[in-house]
Amino acid sequence: MSLLNNFIQVGKIGRPKGTKGLLRLNCFLNDNRDINKFQKFYLEDETIINIKLVSFDKKSPLVTINDITDRTQVEGYVNKYIYLQKEKLSPTEENEFYFHDLEGLEVVDQQNEIVGKVSSVVNFGAGDLLEIYFKSFFDLQKLIFLKSTLKKKELPLNLNDHFSYLNFIS
């Protein structure tokens, strides 16, 4: 399985809670409840698992895996990342993008010169940020982003005073 090309990481399994096989989940989806919209999840070793959101505690959502109800049996899943097939994700609207669609895009200026590449999209709680590696120093105060052209695998920049906003779906 090629995890990078066909799959997207959507969470990390945490410690067990209690004795009945419940596990905490660090969910990377926009809404933790979206876990129950999907049937199959994948581990890095290609193992297919079924995850069901059953509850929440103060720290995180609580899930079961493959209907296992024994704490000892679920402990083998702790600290494993879970993945979904990209094709199972909902299609995006115009000017909406999944983070993984933006990562790796080349950044071009108005002269169609490649000035950098999107390294990652991060959110530290105050909003979504694009991490861009520029080929050389660039005046970031003058950067204004236009609609991304995903088919061309590039992110155009406009250095005018007009904004065109990107909407992100994580």
Protein backbone atom coordinates (compact mmCIF):
# COMPACT_ATOMS: atom_id res chain seq x y z
CA MET A 1 0.00 0.00 0.00
CA SER A 2 1.29 3.44 -0.82
CA LEU A 3 0.18 5.46 2.18
CA LEU A 4 1.48 8.73 0.78
CA ASN A 5 -0.35 8.60 -2.54
CA ASN A 6 -3.68 6.95 -1.78
CA PHE A 7 -4.22 7.46 1.95
CA ILE A 8 -4.47 10.34 4.39
CA GLN A 9 -3.59 10.21 8.08
CA VAL A 10 -6.71 11.00 10.12
CA GLY A 11 -5.75 10.24 13.69
CA LYS A 12 -3.55 8.61 16.29
CA ILE A 13 -4.77 6.02 18.76
CA GLY A 14 -4.11 6.93 22.38
CA ARG A 15 -4.08 5.14 25.72
CA PRO A 16 -6.84 2.81 26.88
CA LYS A 17 -9.51 4.08 29.27
CA GLY A 18 -11.01 1.62 31.69
CA THR A 19 -11.15 -2.14 31.31
CA LYS A 20 -13.72 -2.56 28.52
CA GLY A 21 -11.52 -1.93 25.49
CA LEU A 22 -12.09 1.80 25.07
CA LEU A 23 -9.23 3.83 23.59
CA ARG A 24 -8.65 7.56 23.42
CA LEU A 25 -8.28 8.95 19.91
CA ASN A 26 -6.41 12.04 18.77
CA CYS A 27 -8.59 12.74 15.75
CA PHE A 28 -7.29 14.93 12.91
CA LEU A 29 -10.69 15.26 11.19
CA ASN A 30 -12.56 18.56 11.32
CA ASP A 31 -15.21 17.04 13.61
CA ASN A 32 -14.47 14.05 15.87
CA ARG A 33 -17.94 12.66 15.19
CA ASP A 34 -17.01 12.18 11.53
CA ILE A 35 -15.16 9.00 12.57
CA ASN A 36 -18.49 7.15 12.42
CA LYS A 37 -19.01 8.19 8.77
CA PHE A 38 -16.33 5.73 7.64
CA GLN A 39 -16.25 1.94 7.73
CA LYS A 40 -12.63 0.97 7.12
CA PHE A 41 -9.49 2.50 8.55
CA TYR A 42 -5.95 1.39 7.85
CA LEU A 43 -2.82 1.08 9.94
CA GLU A 44 0.66 1.65 8.49
CA ASP A 45 1.20 -2.11 8.12
CA GLU A 46 -1.92 -2.34 5.89
CA THR A 47 -4.09 -3.87 8.61
CA ILE A 48 -7.74 -2.94 8.13
CA ILE A 49 -9.59 -1.98 11.31
CA ASN A 50 -13.08 -0.81 12.18
CA ILE A 51 -13.29 2.14 14.56
CA LYS A 52 -16.45 3.26 16.26
CA LEU A 53 -16.80 6.48 18.26
CA VAL A 54 -18.72 5.57 21.40
CA SER A 55 -18.22 8.44 23.82
CA PHE A 56 -16.16 11.44 24.89
CA ASP A 57 -14.22 12.09 28.07
CA LYS A 58 -12.65 15.37 29.21
CA LYS A 59 -9.54 14.79 27.10
CA SER A 60 -10.61 13.15 23.86
CA PRO A 61 -13.09 11.00 21.97
CA LEU A 62 -13.33 7.36 23.07
CA VAL A 63 -13.46 4.64 20.44
CA THR A 64 -13.62 0.89 20.09
CA ILE A 65 -11.60 -1.07 17.53
CA ASN A 66 -13.02 -4.18 15.85
CA ASP A 67 -15.59 -4.44 18.68
CA ILE A 68 -12.85 -5.59 21.10
CA THR A 69 -14.02 -5.29 24.71
CA ASP A 70 -10.81 -6.28 26.51
CA ARG A 71 -8.23 -3.69 27.58
CA THR A 72 -5.29 -6.08 27.14
CA GLN A 73 -6.25 -6.84 23.52
CA VAL A 74 -6.54 -3.17 22.52
CA GLU A 75 -3.23 -2.13 24.07
CA GLY A 76 -1.43 -3.27 20.88
CA TYR A 77 -3.10 -0.40 18.98
CA VAL A 78 -1.77 2.38 21.27
CA ASN A 79 0.28 5.06 19.46
CA LYS A 80 -0.65 3.75 16.00
CA TYR A 81 -1.66 6.20 13.31
CA ILE A 82 -4.87 5.55 11.39
CA TYR A 83 -5.48 6.30 7.72
CA LEU A 84 -8.39 6.62 5.29
CA GLN A 85 -8.41 6.18 1.54
CA LYS A 86 -8.42 9.66 -0.02
CA GLU A 87 -11.15 8.59 -2.45
CA LYS A 88 -13.53 8.10 0.52
CA LEU A 89 -13.35 11.78 1.48
CA SER A 90 -16.19 14.10 0.50
CA PRO A 91 -15.58 16.18 -2.62
CA THR A 92 -14.69 19.82 -1.95
CA GLU A 93 -16.57 22.88 -3.12
CA GLU A 94 -14.98 25.51 -5.36
CA ASN A 95 -12.18 27.33 -3.49
CA GLU A 96 -12.12 24.64 -0.78
CA PHE A 97 -9.14 22.35 -0.42
CA TYR A 98 -7.97 19.54 1.78
CA PHE A 99 -4.66 20.27 3.47
CA HIS A 100 -3.02 17.35 1.67
CA ASP A 101 -4.00 18.90 -1.69
CA LEU A 102 -2.02 22.06 -0.86
CA GLU A 103 1.10 20.38 0.51
CA GLY A 104 3.79 20.06 -2.13
CA LEU A 105 2.35 22.75 -4.43
CA GLU A 106 4.85 25.04 -6.10
CA VAL A 107 4.39 28.74 -5.29
CA VAL A 108 4.63 31.02 -8.32
CA ASP A 109 4.67 34.80 -8.62
CA GLN A 110 2.88 37.01 -11.17
CA GLN A 111 5.60 36.38 -13.71
CA ASN A 112 4.95 32.62 -13.36
CA GLU A 113 8.36 32.15 -11.74
CA ILE A 114 8.57 29.42 -9.11
CA VAL A 115 9.47 31.15 -5.83
CA GLY A 116 8.89 28.29 -3.38
CA LYS A 117 6.95 25.23 -2.34
CA VAL A 118 4.21 24.59 0.26
CA SER A 119 5.81 22.40 2.90
CA SER A 120 2.82 21.88 5.17
CA VAL A 121 -0.42 23.33 6.47
CA VAL A 122 -0.57 23.72 10.24
CA ASN A 123 -3.00 25.02 12.83
CA PHE A 124 -1.80 25.95 16.30
CA GLY A 125 -5.24 27.11 17.41
CA ALA A 126 -5.41 30.58 15.85
CA GLY A 127 -6.13 29.55 12.26
CA ASP A 128 -4.68 27.60 9.38
CA LEU A 129 -1.17 28.53 8.24
CA LEU A 130 0.73 27.62 5.10
CA GLU A 131 4.37 26.78 5.68
CA ILE A 132 6.22 27.77 2.52
CA TYR A 133 9.88 27.18 1.75
CA PHE A 134 11.02 30.03 -0.48
CA LYS A 135 13.94 29.67 -2.88
CA SER A 136 15.27 33.05 -1.75
CA PHE A 137 14.34 35.85 0.62
CA PHE A 138 10.98 37.35 -0.15
CA ASP A 139 9.02 40.27 1.31
CA LEU A 140 6.20 38.36 3.02
CA GLN A 141 4.21 41.52 3.70
CA LYS A 142 3.53 41.84 -0.03
CA LEU A 143 2.30 38.27 -0.54
CA ILE A 144 -1.35 37.91 -1.45
CA PHE A 145 -2.65 34.49 -2.42
CA LEU A 146 -4.92 33.82 -5.35
CA LYS A 147 -7.05 30.77 -6.07
CA SER A 148 -4.84 27.67 -6.17
CA THR A 149 -4.54 25.75 -9.38
CA LEU A 150 -4.36 22.17 -8.11
CA LYS A 151 -4.16 20.60 -11.55
CA LYS A 152 -0.98 22.55 -12.29
CA LYS A 153 0.42 21.67 -8.83
CA GLU A 154 1.25 25.30 -8.12
CA LEU A 155 0.04 28.08 -5.86
CA PRO A 156 -0.07 31.46 -7.67
CA LEU A 157 0.77 34.63 -5.76
CA ASN A 158 -0.52 38.09 -6.51
CA LEU A 159 1.53 41.05 -5.34
CA ASN A 160 -1.33 43.54 -5.88
CA ASP A 161 -3.46 45.03 -3.12
CA HIS A 162 -6.42 42.69 -3.78
CA PHE A 163 -7.11 39.51 -1.82
CA SER A 164 -8.60 36.27 -3.03
CA TYR A 165 -9.17 34.01 -0.02
CA LEU A 166 -8.55 30.29 0.17
CA ASN A 167 -10.90 28.16 2.25
CA PHE A 168 -9.36 25.07 3.85
CA ILE A 169 -10.83 21.76 4.92
CA SER A 170 -8.71 19.79 7.32
